[in-house]
N, C-alpha and C. Protein backbone atom coordinates (compact mmCIF):
# COMPACT_ATOMS: atom_id res chain seq x y z
N MET A 1 -67.36 54.19 8.46
CA MET A 1 -66.06 53.95 7.88
C MET A 1 -65.27 53.03 8.81
N CYS A 2 -64.60 52.07 8.22
CA CYS A 2 -63.84 51.09 8.99
C CYS A 2 -62.35 51.33 8.78
N ASN A 3 -61.62 51.51 9.86
CA ASN A 3 -60.19 51.77 9.77
C ASN A 3 -59.35 50.59 10.25
N GLY A 4 -59.98 49.51 10.72
CA GLY A 4 -59.24 48.38 11.25
C GLY A 4 -58.88 47.38 10.16
N SER A 5 -57.90 46.56 10.46
CA SER A 5 -57.54 45.51 9.49
C SER A 5 -58.29 44.24 9.86
N ARG A 6 -58.87 43.64 8.88
CA ARG A 6 -59.65 42.43 9.13
C ARG A 6 -59.16 41.32 8.22
N THR A 7 -59.11 40.15 8.77
CA THR A 7 -58.78 38.98 7.95
C THR A 7 -59.87 37.94 8.16
N TYR A 8 -60.14 37.23 7.11
CA TYR A 8 -61.16 36.19 7.15
C TYR A 8 -60.54 34.87 6.71
N ASP A 9 -60.82 33.87 7.46
CA ASP A 9 -60.36 32.53 7.09
C ASP A 9 -61.56 31.76 6.56
N MET A 10 -61.59 31.57 5.27
CA MET A 10 -62.71 30.86 4.66
C MET A 10 -62.20 29.54 4.09
N THR A 11 -62.41 28.49 4.84
CA THR A 11 -62.04 27.17 4.35
C THR A 11 -63.31 26.44 3.95
N VAL A 12 -63.29 25.88 2.78
CA VAL A 12 -64.44 25.18 2.25
C VAL A 12 -63.99 23.78 1.86
N ASP A 13 -64.67 22.78 2.38
CA ASP A 13 -64.37 21.41 1.99
C ASP A 13 -64.86 21.19 0.57
N TYR A 14 -64.03 20.55 -0.22
CA TYR A 14 -64.36 20.30 -1.61
C TYR A 14 -64.88 18.88 -1.76
N VAL A 15 -66.04 18.76 -2.31
CA VAL A 15 -66.61 17.45 -2.60
C VAL A 15 -66.73 17.34 -4.11
N ARG A 16 -66.03 16.38 -4.67
CA ARG A 16 -66.04 16.29 -6.12
C ARG A 16 -67.35 15.69 -6.62
N GLY A 17 -67.70 16.07 -7.81
CA GLY A 17 -68.88 15.51 -8.44
C GLY A 17 -68.62 14.10 -8.91
N SER A 18 -69.65 13.40 -9.24
CA SER A 18 -69.52 12.01 -9.62
C SER A 18 -69.72 11.83 -11.11
N ASN A 19 -69.03 10.84 -11.65
CA ASN A 19 -69.27 10.45 -13.04
C ASN A 19 -70.22 9.26 -13.09
N LYS A 20 -70.83 8.96 -11.97
CA LYS A 20 -71.78 7.85 -11.88
C LYS A 20 -73.20 8.36 -12.15
N SER A 21 -74.01 7.52 -12.74
CA SER A 21 -75.38 7.89 -13.07
C SER A 21 -76.33 7.29 -12.04
N TRP A 22 -77.27 8.11 -11.57
CA TRP A 22 -78.27 7.63 -10.62
C TRP A 22 -79.15 6.55 -11.26
N LEU A 23 -79.52 6.74 -12.51
CA LEU A 23 -80.38 5.78 -13.20
C LEU A 23 -79.68 4.44 -13.37
N VAL A 24 -78.41 4.47 -13.70
CA VAL A 24 -77.64 3.21 -13.83
C VAL A 24 -77.55 2.52 -12.47
N ALA A 25 -77.33 3.29 -11.41
CA ALA A 25 -77.23 2.71 -10.07
C ALA A 25 -78.54 2.05 -9.65
N VAL A 26 -79.67 2.70 -9.93
CA VAL A 26 -80.97 2.12 -9.58
C VAL A 26 -81.23 0.85 -10.40
N THR A 27 -80.90 0.90 -11.68
CA THR A 27 -81.10 -0.26 -12.55
C THR A 27 -80.24 -1.44 -12.11
N LEU A 28 -78.97 -1.17 -11.82
CA LEU A 28 -78.08 -2.25 -11.34
C LEU A 28 -78.58 -2.82 -10.02
N SER A 29 -79.07 -1.96 -9.15
CA SER A 29 -79.56 -2.42 -7.86
C SER A 29 -80.80 -3.30 -8.03
N ALA A 30 -81.67 -2.91 -8.93
CA ALA A 30 -82.90 -3.69 -9.14
C ALA A 30 -82.62 -5.03 -9.82
N LEU A 31 -81.71 -5.04 -10.78
CA LEU A 31 -81.49 -6.26 -11.56
C LEU A 31 -80.38 -7.16 -11.01
N LEU A 32 -79.29 -6.56 -10.52
CA LEU A 32 -78.14 -7.34 -10.08
C LEU A 32 -77.75 -7.05 -8.63
N GLY A 33 -78.70 -6.58 -7.85
CA GLY A 33 -78.41 -6.21 -6.47
C GLY A 33 -77.96 -7.37 -5.60
N THR A 34 -78.46 -8.55 -5.86
CA THR A 34 -78.07 -9.70 -5.02
C THR A 34 -76.62 -10.11 -5.26
N LEU A 35 -76.05 -9.69 -6.38
CA LEU A 35 -74.65 -10.01 -6.68
C LEU A 35 -73.68 -8.93 -6.21
N GLY A 36 -74.20 -7.83 -5.65
CA GLY A 36 -73.35 -6.77 -5.14
C GLY A 36 -72.80 -5.83 -6.20
N ILE A 37 -73.30 -5.95 -7.43
CA ILE A 37 -72.80 -5.13 -8.52
C ILE A 37 -73.10 -3.65 -8.27
N ASP A 38 -74.23 -3.36 -7.67
CA ASP A 38 -74.59 -1.97 -7.41
C ASP A 38 -73.63 -1.32 -6.43
N ARG A 39 -73.23 -2.04 -5.39
CA ARG A 39 -72.28 -1.51 -4.41
C ARG A 39 -70.91 -1.27 -5.04
N CYS A 40 -70.47 -2.19 -5.88
CA CYS A 40 -69.19 -2.02 -6.57
C CYS A 40 -69.24 -0.83 -7.51
N TYR A 41 -70.34 -0.64 -8.21
CA TYR A 41 -70.50 0.51 -9.10
C TYR A 41 -70.42 1.82 -8.34
N MET A 42 -70.94 1.82 -7.13
CA MET A 42 -70.95 3.04 -6.32
C MET A 42 -69.62 3.28 -5.60
N GLY A 43 -68.66 2.37 -5.73
CA GLY A 43 -67.35 2.55 -5.13
C GLY A 43 -67.17 1.91 -3.77
N HIS A 44 -68.16 1.19 -3.31
CA HIS A 44 -68.09 0.49 -2.02
C HIS A 44 -67.76 -0.98 -2.31
N TYR A 45 -66.50 -1.23 -2.67
CA TYR A 45 -66.10 -2.54 -3.19
C TYR A 45 -66.23 -3.67 -2.16
N TRP A 46 -65.75 -3.44 -0.94
CA TRP A 46 -65.81 -4.51 0.05
C TRP A 46 -67.25 -4.83 0.45
N ALA A 47 -68.08 -3.83 0.50
CA ALA A 47 -69.49 -4.08 0.78
C ALA A 47 -70.13 -4.86 -0.37
N GLY A 48 -69.68 -4.58 -1.59
CA GLY A 48 -70.17 -5.34 -2.75
C GLY A 48 -69.78 -6.79 -2.69
N VAL A 49 -68.55 -7.06 -2.28
CA VAL A 49 -68.09 -8.45 -2.14
C VAL A 49 -68.88 -9.16 -1.04
N LEU A 50 -69.05 -8.49 0.09
CA LEU A 50 -69.81 -9.08 1.19
C LEU A 50 -71.26 -9.33 0.80
N LYS A 51 -71.82 -8.40 0.05
CA LYS A 51 -73.19 -8.56 -0.42
C LYS A 51 -73.31 -9.73 -1.38
N ALA A 52 -72.31 -9.92 -2.23
CA ALA A 52 -72.32 -11.05 -3.17
C ALA A 52 -72.19 -12.38 -2.44
N VAL A 53 -71.33 -12.43 -1.43
CA VAL A 53 -71.12 -13.67 -0.68
C VAL A 53 -72.38 -14.07 0.08
N THR A 54 -73.12 -13.09 0.59
CA THR A 54 -74.33 -13.40 1.34
C THR A 54 -75.59 -13.39 0.47
N VAL A 55 -75.37 -13.34 -0.85
CA VAL A 55 -76.47 -13.30 -1.82
C VAL A 55 -77.44 -12.17 -1.47
N GLY A 56 -76.88 -10.98 -1.41
CA GLY A 56 -77.69 -9.80 -1.13
C GLY A 56 -78.23 -9.77 0.27
N GLY A 57 -77.48 -10.31 1.22
CA GLY A 57 -77.97 -10.34 2.60
C GLY A 57 -79.26 -11.13 2.69
N PHE A 58 -79.26 -12.28 1.96
CA PHE A 58 -80.43 -13.16 1.89
C PHE A 58 -81.64 -12.44 1.30
N GLY A 59 -81.35 -11.47 0.41
CA GLY A 59 -82.40 -10.75 -0.28
C GLY A 59 -82.85 -9.48 0.41
N ILE A 60 -82.66 -9.41 1.71
CA ILE A 60 -83.12 -8.25 2.48
C ILE A 60 -82.26 -7.03 2.16
N TRP A 61 -80.94 -7.22 2.14
CA TRP A 61 -80.00 -6.14 1.87
C TRP A 61 -80.24 -5.56 0.48
N SER A 62 -80.55 -6.42 -0.47
CA SER A 62 -80.79 -5.96 -1.84
C SER A 62 -82.02 -5.06 -1.94
N VAL A 63 -83.07 -5.44 -1.28
CA VAL A 63 -84.30 -4.64 -1.31
C VAL A 63 -84.07 -3.29 -0.64
N ILE A 64 -83.39 -3.31 0.50
CA ILE A 64 -83.12 -2.06 1.22
C ILE A 64 -82.21 -1.15 0.39
N ASP A 65 -81.16 -1.72 -0.22
CA ASP A 65 -80.27 -0.91 -1.06
C ASP A 65 -81.01 -0.30 -2.24
N CYS A 66 -81.88 -1.07 -2.86
CA CYS A 66 -82.63 -0.56 -4.00
C CYS A 66 -83.49 0.64 -3.58
N MET A 67 -84.12 0.54 -2.43
CA MET A 67 -84.94 1.65 -1.93
C MET A 67 -84.08 2.86 -1.57
N LEU A 68 -82.92 2.63 -0.95
CA LEU A 68 -82.05 3.74 -0.55
C LEU A 68 -81.46 4.46 -1.76
N ILE A 69 -81.08 3.71 -2.78
CA ILE A 69 -80.53 4.34 -3.98
C ILE A 69 -81.63 5.08 -4.73
N ALA A 70 -82.81 4.49 -4.82
CA ALA A 70 -83.93 5.15 -5.52
C ALA A 70 -84.35 6.43 -4.80
N ALA A 71 -84.27 6.45 -3.47
CA ALA A 71 -84.64 7.63 -2.70
C ALA A 71 -83.49 8.64 -2.60
N ASP A 72 -82.35 8.34 -3.23
CA ASP A 72 -81.17 9.21 -3.25
C ASP A 72 -80.58 9.41 -1.86
N VAL A 73 -80.63 8.37 -1.04
CA VAL A 73 -80.02 8.41 0.28
C VAL A 73 -78.62 7.82 0.23
N PHE A 74 -78.45 6.74 -0.50
CA PHE A 74 -77.15 6.06 -0.64
C PHE A 74 -76.47 6.61 -1.88
N ARG A 75 -75.26 7.13 -1.73
CA ARG A 75 -74.55 7.78 -2.82
C ARG A 75 -73.17 7.17 -3.04
N PRO A 76 -72.52 7.54 -4.14
CA PRO A 76 -71.18 7.02 -4.40
C PRO A 76 -70.21 7.39 -3.28
N ALA A 77 -69.19 6.55 -3.10
CA ALA A 77 -68.22 6.75 -2.04
C ALA A 77 -67.46 8.06 -2.22
N GLY A 78 -67.59 8.98 -1.27
CA GLY A 78 -66.86 10.23 -1.29
C GLY A 78 -67.27 11.20 -2.37
N GLU A 79 -68.42 11.02 -2.97
CA GLU A 79 -68.84 11.85 -4.07
C GLU A 79 -70.30 12.25 -3.91
N VAL A 80 -70.73 13.12 -4.77
CA VAL A 80 -72.14 13.47 -4.89
C VAL A 80 -72.55 13.23 -6.33
N TRP A 81 -73.84 13.10 -6.56
CA TRP A 81 -74.30 12.89 -7.94
C TRP A 81 -73.89 14.06 -8.71
């Protein structure tokens, strides 16, 4: 039997779900990745602009992004699928 007063502080960080589709992100990355459309779709707007200016990081950035999105490593900004 417990006669003491106990308090618990339970703080939980809230991560909102995303209205973005993984399949759409992979498709955009594969087809329009060099234009930075995939990054803009995921909410990383400045990275999308930089990617467009460098033509997908001379193609290397586009291939890496496509693999990261397909492997579910790169996600929307501040969200989860």
